[in-house]
Amino acid sequence: MKITVVLIAYSSPACLDSVRKALNPAEPLLECQLFLHSTYPQIAEACAACAPLPGVFYYPHGSNRGVSRSWNDGILAAQSRQSDVVVVANDDVSFSLDDLKKLAAKSLANPDRYIVSCAGYHLGHRKRVASMGYSFFAINPIAFEKLGAFDENIFPAYCEDQDYAYRAHLAGLSEENCADTELVHAGSHSINADPALHRQNLLTQALNVRYYKRKWGGFAGAEVFRKPFNDPRLDLYIAPPQRQHPYGPSHDRNDRHIVRI
């Protein structure tokens, strides 16, 4: 069995440390699609130190290119390498190899579920939570078969998970949960650690919410449309080759320049 972790490194080394500990050349169970999204020296150095390890495929972008974009790239790369299980992880989540194996087993046992979430301790909430949601999840092949890619019009972060979940709901897909993992999640580490990023996020998240409402007729939990932008010509499925411009010039965003850090 081959497990691939898709990891975007921005400001926390927690998940990267977990990946490094789990990598074992004698047991090539794990691979990592690693994307650098920032210029923080300590994170760039940690990624560079991890890059030569067997099973690590490193993309030193050094820019905040968007969660959806790197998730899509990493998932597709993992699929092309015939990974049995693909896990998508936030950089501020710590896990053990045992956690990873439990999640992988649950994923393989439930191929009809589009994602598998897992449990752990949320430091921000100061309690154990049953689901980490899209902070750490396995994405099953049926997700890309039925829904395609994450929407890259949502950037750099926040709302991409709600969009994917709503599309899954409309497609009749459901998720599974792995209840016996022991992850630790800091929660919004990046924007809490950098005042400038926090200020930028106030703008970028507001624009993501505006786009989401335009796309679905309301925000998460209050959506109205069953087709993107209420356009009967459009589908829930985002074809991976068209993922950078999924809906055409009348609907796609052209304000990526607002992301500075």
Protein backbone atom coordinates (compact mmCIF):
# COMPACT_ATOMS: atom_id res chain seq x y z
CA MET A 1 0.00 0.00 0.00
CA LYS A 2 1.24 3.47 -0.90
CA ILE A 3 0.00 6.57 0.96
CA THR A 4 0.69 10.06 -0.34
CA VAL A 5 0.44 13.13 1.86
CA VAL A 6 -0.24 16.38 -0.01
CA LEU A 7 1.19 19.14 2.15
CA ILE A 8 1.30 22.90 1.70
CA ALA A 9 4.01 24.40 3.91
CA TYR A 10 3.36 28.03 4.82
CA SER A 11 4.22 28.91 8.42
CA SER A 12 4.12 25.84 10.65
CA PRO A 13 6.63 22.96 10.62
CA ALA A 14 4.30 20.63 12.58
CA CYS A 15 3.02 18.48 9.72
CA LEU A 16 6.38 18.49 7.97
CA ASP A 17 7.97 17.12 11.14
CA SER A 18 5.34 14.38 11.23
CA VAL A 19 6.01 13.48 7.60
CA ARG A 20 9.75 13.31 8.23
CA LYS A 21 9.25 10.98 11.19
CA ALA A 22 6.88 8.74 9.22
CA LEU A 23 9.16 8.38 6.19
CA ASN A 24 11.02 5.07 6.28
CA PRO A 25 13.28 4.04 3.38
CA ALA A 26 13.13 0.43 4.55
CA GLU A 27 9.32 0.49 4.27
CA PRO A 28 8.33 2.74 1.32
CA LEU A 29 4.80 3.20 2.57
CA LEU A 30 4.71 6.97 2.41
CA GLU A 31 5.28 9.63 -0.22
CA CYS A 32 4.83 13.38 0.13
CA GLN A 33 3.88 16.00 -2.44
CA LEU A 34 5.35 19.07 -0.72
CA PHE A 35 4.51 22.64 -1.79
CA LEU A 36 6.27 25.68 -0.33
CA HIS A 37 3.88 28.65 -0.27
CA SER A 38 5.83 31.25 1.70
CA THR A 39 9.19 32.94 2.06
CA TYR A 40 9.59 32.37 5.80
CA PRO A 41 13.23 31.30 6.15
CA GLN A 42 12.60 28.64 8.80
CA ILE A 43 9.90 26.96 6.67
CA ALA A 44 11.96 27.16 3.48
CA GLU A 45 14.92 25.62 5.33
CA ALA A 46 12.76 22.83 6.78
CA CYS A 47 11.36 22.04 3.33
CA ALA A 48 14.81 22.07 1.75
CA ALA A 49 16.05 19.66 4.42
CA CYS A 50 13.12 17.32 3.74
CA ALA A 51 13.30 17.54 -0.06
CA PRO A 52 16.18 15.04 -0.58
CA LEU A 53 14.45 12.32 1.43
CA PRO A 54 13.18 9.31 -0.55
CA GLY A 55 9.52 9.68 -1.43
CA VAL A 56 9.43 13.50 -1.21
CA PHE A 57 8.51 15.49 -4.31
CA TYR A 58 9.22 19.13 -3.61
CA TYR A 59 7.82 22.21 -5.36
CA PRO A 60 9.59 25.32 -3.96
CA HIS A 61 7.15 27.91 -5.28
CA GLY A 62 7.82 30.33 -2.45
CA SER A 63 4.56 32.15 -3.10
CA ASN A 64 1.00 31.94 -1.82
CA ARG A 65 -0.35 30.41 -5.03
CA GLY A 66 -3.63 29.16 -3.56
CA VAL A 67 -4.69 26.12 -1.56
CA SER A 68 -6.97 24.77 -4.30
CA ARG A 69 -4.23 25.03 -6.88
CA SER A 70 -1.63 23.04 -4.92
CA TRP A 71 -4.19 20.57 -3.62
CA ASN A 72 -5.20 19.86 -7.21
CA ASP A 73 -1.60 19.56 -8.37
CA GLY A 74 -0.67 17.28 -5.47
CA ILE A 75 -3.70 15.00 -5.77
CA LEU A 76 -3.22 14.59 -9.50
CA ALA A 77 0.50 13.88 -9.03
CA ALA A 78 -0.30 11.26 -6.39
CA GLN A 79 -2.85 9.63 -8.67
CA SER A 80 -0.35 9.53 -11.52
CA ARG A 81 2.03 7.67 -9.20
CA GLN A 82 -0.67 5.08 -8.43
CA SER A 83 -1.05 5.98 -4.77
CA ASP A 84 -3.59 3.80 -3.02
CA VAL A 85 -4.59 6.53 -0.57
CA VAL A 86 -4.18 10.30 -0.88
CA VAL A 87 -4.22 12.37 2.30
CA VAL A 88 -4.42 16.16 2.23
CA ALA A 89 -2.97 17.90 5.27
CA ASN A 90 -2.69 21.39 6.75
CA ASP A 91 0.82 22.35 7.82
CA ASP A 92 -0.26 22.92 11.45
CA VAL A 93 -1.51 19.35 12.01
CA SER A 94 0.67 16.77 13.77
CA PHE A 95 0.07 13.06 13.26
CA SER A 96 1.70 9.68 13.78
CA LEU A 97 2.30 6.89 11.28
CA ASP A 98 -0.33 4.90 13.16
CA ASP A 99 -2.85 7.71 12.56
CA LEU A 100 -2.00 7.64 8.88
CA LYS A 101 -2.47 3.88 8.64
CA LYS A 102 -5.84 4.06 10.42
CA LEU A 103 -7.04 6.77 8.04
CA ALA A 104 -5.78 4.83 5.02
CA ALA A 105 -7.55 1.67 6.15
CA LYS A 106 -10.82 3.57 6.61
CA SER A 107 -10.42 5.16 3.18
CA LEU A 108 -9.84 1.83 1.43
CA ALA A 109 -12.77 0.26 3.27
CA ASN A 110 -15.15 3.02 2.11
CA PRO A 111 -14.47 3.71 -1.58
CA ASP A 112 -18.00 5.11 -2.06
CA ARG A 113 -17.28 8.02 0.33
CA TYR A 114 -15.68 11.02 -1.31
CA ILE A 115 -13.54 12.00 1.68
CA VAL A 116 -12.66 10.50 5.06
CA SER A 117 -12.19 12.96 7.91
CA CYS A 118 -10.56 12.08 11.21
CA ALA A 119 -10.53 12.95 14.90
CA GLY A 120 -8.05 14.63 17.19
CA TYR A 121 -7.31 17.45 19.60
CA HIS A 122 -7.88 21.05 18.46
CA LEU A 123 -5.54 23.36 20.34
CA GLY A 124 -7.52 26.47 19.44
CA HIS A 125 -10.76 25.00 20.76
CA ARG A 126 -8.96 23.28 23.66
CA LYS A 127 -10.86 20.04 23.18
CA ARG A 128 -10.99 16.82 21.22
CA VAL A 129 -13.10 17.08 18.06
CA ALA A 130 -14.70 14.21 16.17
CA SER A 131 -13.68 15.65 12.80
CA MET A 132 -10.81 17.83 11.65
CA GLY A 133 -12.77 18.46 8.46
CA TYR A 134 -10.61 19.54 5.55
CA SER A 135 -7.62 20.19 7.80
CA PHE A 136 -6.57 16.55 7.43
CA PHE A 137 -8.53 14.15 5.24
CA ALA A 138 -8.25 11.30 2.78
CA ILE A 139 -9.71 12.02 -0.64
CA ASN A 140 -10.99 8.95 -2.46
CA PRO A 141 -10.88 8.41 -6.24
CA ILE A 142 -14.65 8.81 -6.50
CA ALA A 143 -14.25 12.49 -5.57
CA PHE A 144 -12.20 13.38 -8.64
CA GLU A 145 -14.32 11.02 -10.77
CA LYS A 146 -17.59 12.76 -9.84
CA LEU A 147 -16.53 16.29 -8.83
CA GLY A 148 -13.18 16.83 -10.48
CA ALA A 149 -10.83 19.47 -9.14
CA PHE A 150 -11.14 22.03 -6.37
CA ASP A 151 -12.21 25.46 -7.62
CA GLU A 152 -9.06 27.54 -8.20
CA ASN A 153 -11.13 30.73 -8.37
CA ILE A 154 -11.08 30.47 -4.57
CA PHE A 155 -7.71 31.70 -3.35
CA PRO A 156 -5.44 31.84 -1.49
CA ALA A 157 -7.45 30.05 1.23
CA TYR A 158 -10.86 29.58 2.88
CA CYS A 159 -14.14 28.53 1.18
CA GLU A 160 -12.53 25.95 -1.14
CA ASP A 161 -13.63 23.21 1.26
CA GLN A 162 -17.20 24.51 1.51
CA ASP A 163 -17.46 24.68 -2.26
CA TYR A 164 -16.23 21.10 -2.65
CA ALA A 165 -18.56 19.86 0.10
CA TYR A 166 -21.58 21.54 -1.49
CA ARG A 167 -20.76 20.08 -4.89
CA ALA A 168 -20.44 16.66 -3.22
CA HIS A 169 -23.84 17.15 -1.57
CA LEU A 170 -25.44 18.01 -4.92
CA ALA A 171 -23.80 14.93 -6.46
CA GLY A 172 -25.23 12.69 -3.73
CA LEU A 173 -21.84 11.93 -2.18
CA SER A 174 -21.13 11.67 1.53
CA GLU A 175 -18.09 11.51 3.76
CA GLU A 176 -16.80 8.93 6.22
CA ASN A 177 -15.08 9.55 9.54
CA CYS A 178 -12.13 7.84 11.19
CA ALA A 179 -12.88 8.27 14.89
CA ASP A 180 -9.83 6.66 16.51
CA THR A 181 -7.01 8.94 15.32
CA GLU A 182 -5.06 11.21 17.67
CA LEU A 183 -4.13 14.20 15.53
CA VAL A 184 -3.25 17.59 17.00
CA HIS A 185 -4.37 20.71 15.11
CA ALA A 186 -3.25 24.21 16.03
CA GLY A 187 -5.98 25.86 13.95
CA SER A 188 -5.50 28.86 11.59
CA HIS A 189 -1.81 28.95 12.51
CA SER A 190 -0.72 30.95 9.47
CA ILE A 191 -3.05 33.94 9.80
CA ASN A 192 -2.69 33.98 13.59
CA ALA A 193 1.10 34.01 13.40
CA ASP A 194 1.52 36.89 10.93
CA PRO A 195 -0.32 40.23 11.39
CA ALA A 196 0.28 41.20 7.75
CA LEU A 197 -1.18 37.92 6.52
CA HIS A 198 -4.11 38.38 8.90
CA ARG A 199 -4.82 41.79 7.36
CA GLN A 200 -4.57 40.37 3.85
CA ASN A 201 -6.90 37.52 4.79
CA LEU A 202 -9.61 39.97 5.83
CA LEU A 203 -9.71 41.04 2.17
CA THR A 204 -9.10 37.74 0.42
CA GLN A 205 -11.57 35.77 2.52
CA ALA A 206 -14.24 38.43 2.02
CA LEU A 207 -13.72 38.19 -1.74
CA ASN A 208 -13.90 34.40 -1.56
CA VAL A 209 -17.22 34.67 0.27
CA ARG A 210 -18.47 37.13 -2.36
CA TYR A 211 -17.46 34.74 -5.15
CA TYR A 212 -19.09 31.80 -3.32
CA LYS A 213 -22.37 33.69 -3.00
CA ARG A 214 -22.23 34.65 -6.67
CA LYS A 215 -21.57 31.04 -7.60
CA TRP A 216 -24.21 29.40 -5.39
CA GLY A 217 -26.74 32.16 -4.61
CA GLY A 218 -25.87 32.19 -0.91
CA PHE A 219 -23.11 31.33 1.52
CA ALA A 220 -22.43 27.90 3.01
CA GLY A 221 -25.60 26.45 4.47
CA ALA A 222 -27.80 28.91 2.58
CA GLU A 223 -27.01 28.02 -1.03
CA VAL A 224 -29.81 28.36 -3.58
CA PHE A 225 -28.37 27.31 -6.93
CA ARG A 226 -27.93 23.70 -7.98
CA LYS A 227 -25.73 24.66 -10.92
CA PRO A 228 -22.73 27.00 -10.67
CA PHE A 229 -23.88 30.60 -11.15
CA ASN A 230 -27.36 29.19 -11.84
CA ASP A 231 -26.15 28.54 -15.37
CA PRO A 232 -27.70 25.36 -16.81
CA ARG A 233 -24.74 24.99 -19.17
CA LEU A 234 -22.33 24.48 -16.28
CA ASP A 235 -21.72 21.29 -14.35
CA LEU A 236 -20.62 20.37 -10.83
CA TYR A 237 -17.58 18.68 -12.35
CA ILE A 238 -14.38 20.71 -12.84
CA ALA A 239 -12.24 18.95 -15.43
CA PRO A 240 -8.63 18.85 -14.20
CA PRO A 241 -7.18 20.15 -17.51
CA GLN A 242 -9.46 23.22 -17.24
CA ARG A 243 -9.01 23.70 -13.51
CA GLN A 244 -7.26 27.09 -13.74
CA HIS A 245 -10.17 28.59 -15.72
CA PRO A 246 -13.10 26.28 -15.04
CA TYR A 247 -16.07 28.50 -15.90
CA GLY A 248 -14.91 30.92 -18.58
CA PRO A 249 -14.26 34.68 -18.61
CA SER A 250 -17.80 35.64 -17.62
CA HIS A 251 -17.49 33.80 -14.30
CA ASP A 252 -13.80 33.25 -13.48
CA ARG A 253 -12.01 35.73 -11.26
CA ASN A 254 -9.17 37.95 -12.52
CA ASP A 255 -8.01 39.54 -9.26
CA ARG A 256 -5.24 37.15 -8.22
CA HIS A 257 -2.89 40.14 -7.92
CA ILE A 258 -4.43 40.98 -4.51
CA VAL A 259 -2.37 38.18 -2.90
CA ARG A 260 0.90 39.75 -1.76
CA ILE A 261 2.21 37.36 0.88
